[in-house]
Amino acid sequence: MDTIFEVGDLSFYLDGKQVFQNLSLRLPRGETYVVVGRSGSGKSVLLQLGSGLLSPTGGKVEIYGVNLATAAKETIQALRVKIGFVFQEAALISNMSIFDNIALPLRYHRGLKEPEVKDRVSEKMALFGVERQCDRLLPAQLSLGMRKRAALARALILDPELLFLDEPAVGLGAEADRLVFKVLKRYQEQTKASLLMVTSDWLSALPLADRIGLLEKGKIIAEGSSAEMRERLEKGEYPGFLSA
């Protein structure tokens, strides 16, 4: 199976503190790998390293076999067109309307005419239940849940082959939570996209995960299929993660 994303012997220091030590994981095409870790374990940092927003202290981060630490800037830019990213706090541009936030990747990377941009944005907004009256509102005028939905719509606007998801359902509520995972699962099945998700709640990951890895003290201490890890966690093999 093709490997889309791979981290090998990764080490990383932030403000003099070691975040990762010899961390390794592999994400094949069409798979969802969920990294579960407690607050402060480095989950968000892992996604920033994975997308090239941060550089590792040691080891490698590869997308399609391209080492992000040594690749040319143009190569990394070309790879980012294939990546969708949902940050934990949505990370929408504060002085730009919701519509323009979602449309930004299309306008920047595709050069489409505005009627086509409008159609694509409307389609993605409807997919995640972003209300049309939000079109011209600024992010600060929306709830966290609606901002997160808009961020999900923006992440899928270019139909990416690789998705990085940082607590995608936090702040949405149970019904919207189910909707988001249903949409992401359907998108993955239709496109064979690969998803790397980080969360502190392994139970929430079950509907989407193919494999689950437990992150502790800078390493993946255990990993396995969704069913296997559920059984091991419920047996109490990793008690620290039951209330993660």
C-alpha atoms as a PDB file:
ATOM      1  CA  MET A   1       0.000   0.000   0.000  1.00  0.00           C
ATOM      2  CA  ASP A   2       1.319   3.460  -0.947  1.00  0.00           C
ATOM      3  CA  THR A   3       2.624   5.527   1.953  1.00  0.00           C
ATOM      4  CA  ILE A   4       1.372   9.108   1.736  1.00  0.00           C
ATOM      5  CA  PHE A   5       2.794  10.450   4.990  1.00  0.00           C
ATOM      6  CA  GLU A   6       5.605   9.143   7.166  1.00  0.00           C
ATOM      7  CA  VAL A   7       7.437  10.267  10.274  1.00  0.00           C
ATOM      8  CA  GLY A   8      10.655   8.457  11.144  1.00  0.00           C
ATOM      9  CA  ASP A   9      12.718   8.742  14.349  1.00  0.00           C
ATOM     10  CA  LEU A  10      11.335  12.230  14.819  1.00  0.00           C
ATOM     11  CA  SER A  11      12.725  14.405  17.571  1.00  0.00           C
ATOM     12  CA  PHE A  12      11.688  17.961  18.304  1.00  0.00           C
ATOM     13  CA  TYR A  13      12.461  20.546  20.976  1.00  0.00           C
ATOM     14  CA  LEU A  14      10.306  23.561  21.729  1.00  0.00           C
ATOM     15  CA  ASP A  15      11.664  26.299  23.990  1.00  0.00           C
ATOM     16  CA  GLY A  16      14.352  23.906  25.194  1.00  0.00           C
ATOM     17  CA  LYS A  17      11.843  21.198  26.126  1.00  0.00           C
ATOM     18  CA  GLN A  18      11.796  17.864  24.311  1.00  0.00           C
ATOM     19  CA  VAL A  19       8.387  17.246  22.723  1.00  0.00           C
ATOM     20  CA  PHE A  20       9.188  14.147  20.626  1.00  0.00           C
ATOM     21  CA  GLN A  21      11.845  11.485  20.913  1.00  0.00           C
ATOM     22  CA  ASN A  22      12.263   8.886  18.135  1.00  0.00           C
ATOM     23  CA  LEU A  23       8.615   9.115  17.159  1.00  0.00           C
ATOM     24  CA  SER A  24       7.625   7.088  14.099  1.00  0.00           C
ATOM     25  CA  LEU A  25       4.325   6.557  12.292  1.00  0.00           C
ATOM     26  CA  ARG A  26       3.166   5.767   8.776  1.00  0.00           C
ATOM     27  CA  LEU A  27      -0.032   6.709   6.985  1.00  0.00           C
ATOM     28  CA  PRO A  28      -0.945   4.713   3.843  1.00  0.00           C
ATOM     29  CA  ARG A  29      -3.245   5.988   1.109  1.00  0.00           C
ATOM     30  CA  GLY A  30      -6.918   5.882   2.040  1.00  0.00           C
ATOM     31  CA  GLU A  31      -6.379   5.285   5.768  1.00  0.00           C
ATOM     32  CA  THR A  32      -7.348   7.299   8.829  1.00  0.00           C
ATOM     33  CA  TYR A  33      -4.734   7.228  11.585  1.00  0.00           C
ATOM     34  CA  VAL A  34      -5.782   8.835  14.869  1.00  0.00           C
ATOM     35  CA  VAL A  35      -3.168   9.932  17.391  1.00  0.00           C
ATOM     36  CA  VAL A  36      -4.597  10.038  20.916  1.00  0.00           C
ATOM     37  CA  GLY A  37      -2.770  11.986  23.598  1.00  0.00           C
ATOM     38  CA  ARG A  38      -3.424  14.062  26.659  1.00  0.00           C
ATOM     39  CA  SER A  39      -3.248  17.842  26.731  1.00  0.00           C
ATOM     40  CA  GLY A  40       0.334  19.006  26.309  1.00  0.00           C
ATOM     41  CA  SER A  41       1.525  15.780  24.682  1.00  0.00           C
ATOM     42  CA  GLY A  42       2.401  17.530  21.418  1.00  0.00           C
ATOM     43  CA  LYS A  43      -0.543  16.519  19.238  1.00  0.00           C
ATOM     44  CA  SER A  44      -0.929  19.910  17.548  1.00  0.00           C
ATOM     45  CA  VAL A  45       2.838  20.228  17.169  1.00  0.00           C
ATOM     46  CA  LEU A  46       2.888  16.904  15.316  1.00  0.00           C
ATOM     47  CA  LEU A  47       0.473  18.251  12.698  1.00  0.00           C
ATOM     48  CA  GLN A  48       2.477  21.459  12.325  1.00  0.00           C
ATOM     49  CA  LEU A  49       5.607  19.392  11.742  1.00  0.00           C
ATOM     50  CA  GLY A  50       3.685  17.217   9.319  1.00  0.00           C
ATOM     51  CA  SER A  51       2.623  20.172   7.206  1.00  0.00           C
ATOM     52  CA  GLY A  52       6.030  21.847   7.244  1.00  0.00           C
ATOM     53  CA  LEU A  53       4.980  24.741   9.473  1.00  0.00           C
ATOM     54  CA  LEU A  54       7.702  23.632  11.919  1.00  0.00           C
ATOM     55  CA  SER A  55      11.008  21.872  11.222  1.00  0.00           C
ATOM     56  CA  PRO A  56      12.112  18.784  13.168  1.00  0.00           C
ATOM     57  CA  THR A  57      15.221  18.769  15.333  1.00  0.00           C
ATOM     58  CA  GLY A  58      16.033  15.288  14.066  1.00  0.00           C
ATOM     59  CA  GLY A  59      14.550  12.466  12.016  1.00  0.00           C
ATOM     60  CA  LYS A  60      12.358  12.865   8.967  1.00  0.00           C
ATOM     61  CA  VAL A  61       8.909  14.012   7.924  1.00  0.00           C
ATOM     62  CA  GLU A  62       7.928  12.868   4.429  1.00  0.00           C
ATOM     63  CA  ILE A  63       4.904  13.444   2.211  1.00  0.00           C
ATOM     64  CA  TYR A  64       4.813  11.334  -0.962  1.00  0.00           C
ATOM     65  CA  GLY A  65       8.424  10.418  -0.173  1.00  0.00           C
ATOM     66  CA  VAL A  66       9.536  14.068  -0.131  1.00  0.00           C
ATOM     67  CA  ASN A  67      11.546  15.028   2.957  1.00  0.00           C
ATOM     68  CA  LEU A  68      10.126  18.375   4.094  1.00  0.00           C
ATOM     69  CA  ALA A  69      13.379  19.361   5.810  1.00  0.00           C
ATOM     70  CA  THR A  70      15.417  19.225   2.603  1.00  0.00           C
ATOM     71  CA  ALA A  71      12.833  19.926  -0.106  1.00  0.00           C
ATOM     72  CA  ALA A  72      12.857  23.143  -2.116  1.00  0.00           C
ATOM     73  CA  LYS A  73      10.319  25.798  -1.151  1.00  0.00           C
ATOM     74  CA  GLU A  74       8.535  25.364  -4.489  1.00  0.00           C
ATOM     75  CA  THR A  75       8.201  21.615  -3.890  1.00  0.00           C
ATOM     76  CA  ILE A  76       6.659  22.160  -0.467  1.00  0.00           C
ATOM     77  CA  GLN A  77       4.237  24.719  -1.896  1.00  0.00           C
ATOM     78  CA  ALA A  78       3.147  22.210  -4.543  1.00  0.00           C
ATOM     79  CA  LEU A  79       2.580  19.579  -1.828  1.00  0.00           C
ATOM     80  CA  ARG A  80       0.472  21.930   0.282  1.00  0.00           C
ATOM     81  CA  VAL A  81      -2.096  22.207  -2.506  1.00  0.00           C
ATOM     82  CA  LYS A  82      -2.796  18.504  -1.843  1.00  0.00           C
ATOM     83  CA  ILE A  83      -3.185  19.028   1.930  1.00  0.00           C
ATOM     84  CA  GLY A  84      -6.177  20.210   3.951  1.00  0.00           C
ATOM     85  CA  PHE A  85      -5.622  21.392   7.540  1.00  0.00           C
ATOM     86  CA  VAL A  86      -8.154  21.987  10.312  1.00  0.00           C
ATOM     87  CA  PHE A  87      -6.640  23.687  13.343  1.00  0.00           C
ATOM     88  CA  GLN A  88      -8.085  23.186  16.819  1.00  0.00           C
ATOM     89  CA  GLU A  89      -9.295  26.780  17.049  1.00  0.00           C
ATOM     90  CA  ALA A  90     -10.369  26.900  13.365  1.00  0.00           C
ATOM     91  CA  ALA A  91      -7.671  29.529  12.518  1.00  0.00           C
ATOM     92  CA  LEU A  92      -9.793  31.541  10.116  1.00  0.00           C
ATOM     93  CA  ILE A  93      -8.473  34.910   8.926  1.00  0.00           C
ATOM     94  CA  SER A  94     -10.066  37.393  11.321  1.00  0.00           C
ATOM     95  CA  ASN A  95     -10.627  40.331   8.938  1.00  0.00           C
ATOM     96  CA  MET A  96     -12.028  38.190   6.111  1.00  0.00           C
ATOM     97  CA  SER A  97     -15.641  37.049   5.742  1.00  0.00           C
ATOM     98  CA  ILE A  98     -16.551  33.401   6.187  1.00  0.00           C
ATOM     99  CA  PHE A  99     -17.246  33.067   2.459  1.00  0.00           C
ATOM    100  CA  ASP A 100     -13.888  34.606   1.548  1.00  0.00           C
ATOM    101  CA  ASN A 101     -12.085  32.423   4.091  1.00  0.00           C
ATOM    102  CA  ILE A 102     -13.478  29.295   2.474  1.00  0.00           C
ATOM    103  CA  ALA A 103     -12.867  30.630  -1.057  1.00  0.00           C
ATOM    104  CA  LEU A 104      -9.269  31.700  -0.389  1.00  0.00           C
ATOM    105  CA  PRO A 105      -7.515  28.438  -1.406  1.00  0.00           C
ATOM    106  CA  LEU A 106      -9.561  28.309  -4.622  1.00  0.00           C
ATOM    107  CA  ARG A 107      -8.695  31.869  -5.566  1.00  0.00           C
ATOM    108  CA  TYR A 108      -5.043  31.458  -4.665  1.00  0.00           C
ATOM    109  CA  HIS A 109      -4.351  28.055  -6.194  1.00  0.00           C
ATOM    110  CA  ARG A 110      -6.969  27.510  -8.910  1.00  0.00           C
ATOM    111  CA  GLY A 111      -7.650  30.864 -10.502  1.00  0.00           C
ATOM    112  CA  LEU A 112     -11.317  30.012 -11.071  1.00  0.00           C
ATOM    113  CA  LYS A 113     -13.908  32.510 -12.235  1.00  0.00           C
ATOM    114  CA  GLU A 114     -16.131  33.878  -9.482  1.00  0.00           C
ATOM    115  CA  PRO A 115     -19.339  32.015 -10.454  1.00  0.00           C
ATOM    116  CA  GLU A 116     -17.456  28.720 -10.155  1.00  0.00           C
ATOM    117  CA  VAL A 117     -15.870  29.824  -6.875  1.00  0.00           C
ATOM    118  CA  LYS A 118     -19.331  30.656  -5.536  1.00  0.00           C
ATOM    119  CA  ASP A 119     -20.693  27.256  -6.545  1.00  0.00           C
ATOM    120  CA  ARG A 120     -17.780  25.353  -4.957  1.00  0.00           C
ATOM    121  CA  VAL A 121     -17.942  27.342  -1.724  1.00  0.00           C
ATOM    122  CA  SER A 122     -21.724  26.930  -1.489  1.00  0.00           C
ATOM    123  CA  GLU A 123     -21.336  23.175  -1.972  1.00  0.00           C
ATOM    124  CA  LYS A 124     -18.804  22.830   0.849  1.00  0.00           C
ATOM    125  CA  MET A 125     -20.764  25.122   3.166  1.00  0.00           C
ATOM    126  CA  ALA A 126     -23.857  22.979   2.675  1.00  0.00           C
ATOM    127  CA  LEU A 127     -21.829  19.826   3.281  1.00  0.00           C
ATOM    128  CA  PHE A 128     -20.943  20.910   6.827  1.00  0.00           C
ATOM    129  CA  GLY A 129     -24.105  22.855   7.577  1.00  0.00           C
ATOM    130  CA  VAL A 130     -22.552  26.322   7.491  1.00  0.00           C
ATOM    131  CA  GLU A 131     -25.544  28.648   7.392  1.00  0.00           C
ATOM    132  CA  ARG A 132     -25.740  30.889   4.314  1.00  0.00           C
ATOM    133  CA  GLN A 133     -26.430  33.961   6.440  1.00  0.00           C
ATOM    134  CA  CYS A 134     -22.839  33.515   7.681  1.00  0.00           C
ATOM    135  CA  ASP A 135     -21.468  34.369   4.218  1.00  0.00           C
ATOM    136  CA  ARG A 136     -20.489  37.945   4.971  1.00  0.00           C
ATOM    137  CA  LEU A 137     -19.946  37.667   8.707  1.00  0.00           C
ATOM    138  CA  LEU A 138     -16.478  37.791  10.229  1.00  0.00           C
ATOM    139  CA  PRO A 139     -15.187  34.792  12.229  1.00  0.00           C
ATOM    140  CA  ALA A 140     -15.501  36.662  15.541  1.00  0.00           C
ATOM    141  CA  GLN A 141     -19.245  36.997  14.940  1.00  0.00           C
ATOM    142  CA  LEU A 142     -19.718  33.205  14.901  1.00  0.00           C
ATOM    143  CA  SER A 143     -19.661  30.533  17.574  1.00  0.00           C
ATOM    144  CA  LEU A 144     -16.647  28.225  17.802  1.00  0.00           C
ATOM    145  CA  GLY A 145     -18.790  25.420  16.421  1.00  0.00           C
ATOM    146  CA  MET A 146     -19.755  27.374  13.303  1.00  0.00           C
ATOM    147  CA  ARG A 147     -16.150  28.579  12.836  1.00  0.00           C
ATOM    148  CA  LYS A 148     -15.011  24.950  13.018  1.00  0.00           C
ATOM    149  CA  ARG A 149     -17.567  23.953  10.383  1.00  0.00           C
ATOM    150  CA  ALA A 150     -16.312  26.750   8.129  1.00  0.00           C
ATOM    151  CA  ALA A 151     -12.728  25.593   8.682  1.00  0.00           C
ATOM    152  CA  LEU A 152     -13.713  22.068   7.649  1.00  0.00           C
ATOM    153  CA  ALA A 153     -15.357  23.435   4.496  1.00  0.00           C
ATOM    154  CA  ARG A 154     -12.173  25.383   3.700  1.00  0.00           C
ATOM    155  CA  ALA A 155     -10.008  22.306   4.337  1.00  0.00           C
ATOM    156  CA  LEU A 156     -11.950  20.315   1.714  1.00  0.00           C
ATOM    157  CA  ILE A 157     -12.346  23.100  -0.861  1.00  0.00           C
ATOM    158  CA  LEU A 158      -9.406  21.865  -2.990  1.00  0.00           C
ATOM    159  CA  ASP A 159     -10.403  18.199  -2.607  1.00  0.00           C
ATOM    160  CA  PRO A 160      -7.125  17.341  -0.820  1.00  0.00           C
ATOM    161  CA  GLU A 161      -5.489  13.925  -0.841  1.00  0.00           C
ATOM    162  CA  LEU A 162      -4.181  14.355   2.722  1.00  0.00           C
ATOM    163  CA  LEU A 163      -6.083  15.869   5.649  1.00  0.00           C
ATOM    164  CA  PHE A 164      -4.605  16.967   8.984  1.00  0.00           C
ATOM    165  CA  LEU A 165      -7.341  17.266  11.616  1.00  0.00           C
ATOM    166  CA  ASP A 166      -6.737  18.811  15.042  1.00  0.00           C
ATOM    167  CA  GLU A 167      -9.667  17.944  17.340  1.00  0.00           C
ATOM    168  CA  PRO A 168     -12.111  18.499  14.440  1.00  0.00           C
ATOM    169  CA  ALA A 169     -15.282  17.907  16.450  1.00  0.00           C
ATOM    170  CA  VAL A 170     -14.446  19.929  19.589  1.00  0.00           C
ATOM    171  CA  GLY A 171     -17.052  22.603  20.236  1.00  0.00           C
ATOM    172  CA  LEU A 172     -19.588  21.206  17.782  1.00  0.00           C
ATOM    173  CA  GLY A 173     -22.000  19.275  19.993  1.00  0.00           C
ATOM    174  CA  ALA A 174     -23.089  15.657  19.603  1.00  0.00           C
ATOM    175  CA  GLU A 175     -25.314  16.037  16.517  1.00  0.00           C
ATOM    176  CA  ALA A 176     -22.802  18.147  14.563  1.00  0.00           C
ATOM    177  CA  ASP A 177     -20.046  15.830  15.734  1.00  0.00           C
ATOM    178  CA  ARG A 178     -21.784  12.895  14.034  1.00  0.00           C
ATOM    179  CA  LEU A 179     -22.356  14.968  10.891  1.00  0.00           C
ATOM    180  CA  VAL A 180     -18.675  15.927  10.622  1.00  0.00           C
ATOM    181  CA  PHE A 181     -17.433  12.355  10.975  1.00  0.00           C
ATOM    182  CA  LYS A 182     -20.059  11.114   8.504  1.00  0.00           C
ATOM    183  CA  VAL A 183     -18.984  13.704   5.915  1.00  0.00           C
ATOM    184  CA  LEU A 184     -15.282  12.991   6.428  1.00  0.00           C
ATOM    185  CA  LYS A 185     -15.829   9.227   6.190  1.00  0.00           C
ATOM    186  CA  ARG A 186     -17.816   9.609   2.970  1.00  0.00           C
ATOM    187  CA  TYR A 187     -15.204  11.973   1.535  1.00  0.00           C
ATOM    188  CA  GLN A 188     -12.442   9.497   2.321  1.00  0.00           C
ATOM    189  CA  GLU A 189     -14.327   6.595   0.769  1.00  0.00           C
ATOM    190  CA  GLN A 190     -15.012   8.572  -2.409  1.00  0.00           C
ATOM    191  CA  THR A 191     -11.525  10.042  -2.882  1.00  0.00           C
ATOM    192  CA  LYS A 192      -9.233   7.528  -1.113  1.00  0.00           C
ATOM    193  CA  ALA A 193      -7.788  10.457   0.816  1.00  0.00           C
ATOM    194  CA  SER A 194      -5.571   9.853   3.848  1.00  0.00           C
ATOM    195  CA  LEU A 195      -6.475  11.423   7.200  1.00  0.00           C
ATOM    196  CA  LEU A 196      -4.227  12.107  10.181  1.00  0.00           C
ATOM    197  CA  MET A 197      -6.279  13.201  13.161  1.00  0.00           C
ATOM    198  CA  VAL A 198      -5.186  14.112  16.682  1.00  0.00           C
ATOM    199  CA  THR A 199      -7.502  14.093  19.686  1.00  0.00           C
ATOM    200  CA  SER A 200      -7.549  13.680  23.443  1.00  0.00           C
ATOM    201  CA  ASP A 201     -10.678  11.516  23.335  1.00  0.00           C
ATOM    202  CA  TRP A 202     -10.184   8.051  21.834  1.00  0.00           C
ATOM    203  CA  LEU A 203     -13.911   7.263  22.006  1.00  0.00           C
ATOM    204  CA  SER A 204     -14.712  10.145  19.661  1.00  0.00           C
ATOM    205  CA  ALA A 205     -12.183   8.778  17.161  1.00  0.00           C
ATOM    206  CA  LEU A 206     -13.800   5.339  16.796  1.00  0.00           C
ATOM    207  CA  PRO A 207     -16.301   6.192  14.019  1.00  0.00           C
ATOM    208  CA  LEU A 208     -13.508   7.494  11.779  1.00  0.00           C
ATOM    209  CA  ALA A 209     -10.323   5.646  12.765  1.00  0.00           C
ATOM    210  CA  ASP A 210      -8.782   2.744  10.893  1.00  0.00           C
ATOM    211  CA  ARG A 211      -5.807   2.718  13.260  1.00  0.00           C
ATOM    212  CA  ILE A 212      -5.174   4.402  16.601  1.00  0.00           C
ATOM    213  CA  GLY A 213      -1.823   5.320  18.126  1.00  0.00           C
ATOM    214  CA  LEU A 214      -1.312   6.377  21.742  1.00  0.00           C
ATOM    215  CA  LEU A 215       1.087   9.299  22.208  1.00  0.00           C
ATOM    216  CA  GLU A 216       2.910   9.557  25.525  1.00  0.00           C
ATOM    217  CA  LYS A 217       6.251  11.056  26.543  1.00  0.00           C
ATOM    218  CA  GLY A 218       7.144  11.925  22.986  1.00  0.00           C
ATOM    219  CA  LYS A 219       6.535   8.500  21.451  1.00  0.00           C
ATOM    220  CA  ILE A 220       3.770   6.304  20.074  1.00  0.00           C
ATOM    221  CA  ILE A 221       3.661   3.762  22.903  1.00  0.00           C
ATOM    222  CA  ALA A 222       1.042   1.501  21.274  1.00  0.00           C
ATOM    223  CA  GLU A 223      -0.901   1.302  18.039  1.00  0.00           C
ATOM    224  CA  GLY A 224      -3.336  -1.019  16.339  1.00  0.00           C
ATOM    225  CA  SER A 225      -6.615  -1.229  14.502  1.00  0.00           C
ATOM    226  CA  SER A 226      -9.572   0.704  15.873  1.00  0.00           C
ATOM    227  CA  ALA A 227     -11.204  -2.505  17.161  1.00  0.00           C
ATOM    228  CA  GLU A 228      -7.970  -3.809  18.687  1.00  0.00           C
ATOM    229  CA  MET A 229      -7.163  -0.564  20.502  1.00  0.00           C
ATOM    230  CA  ARG A 230     -10.707  -0.230  21.785  1.00  0.00           C
ATOM    231  CA  GLU A 231     -10.485  -3.710  23.304  1.00  0.00           C
ATOM    232  CA  ARG A 232      -7.091  -2.998  24.889  1.00  0.00           C
ATOM    233  CA  LEU A 233      -8.171   0.364  26.282  1.00  0.00           C
ATOM    234  CA  GLU A 234     -11.414  -1.022  27.688  1.00  0.00           C
ATOM    235  CA  LYS A 235      -9.426  -3.820  29.348  1.00  0.00           C
ATOM    236  CA  GLY A 236      -7.445  -1.119  31.125  1.00  0.00           C
ATOM    237  CA  GLU A 237      -4.085  -1.787  29.487  1.00  0.00           C
ATOM    238  CA  TYR A 238      -3.478   1.967  29.232  1.00  0.00           C
ATOM    239  CA  PRO A 239      -5.376   3.432  32.210  1.00  0.00           C
ATOM    240  CA  GLY A 240      -4.015   6.924  31.675  1.00  0.00           C
ATOM    241  CA  PHE A 241      -5.923   7.195  28.412  1.00  0.00           C
ATOM    242  CA  LEU A 242      -9.359   6.244  29.713  1.00  0.00           C
ATOM    243  CA  SER A 243      -9.969   9.811  30.821  1.00  0.00           C
ATOM    244  CA  ALA A 244      -7.724  11.436  28.205  1.00  0.00           C
END
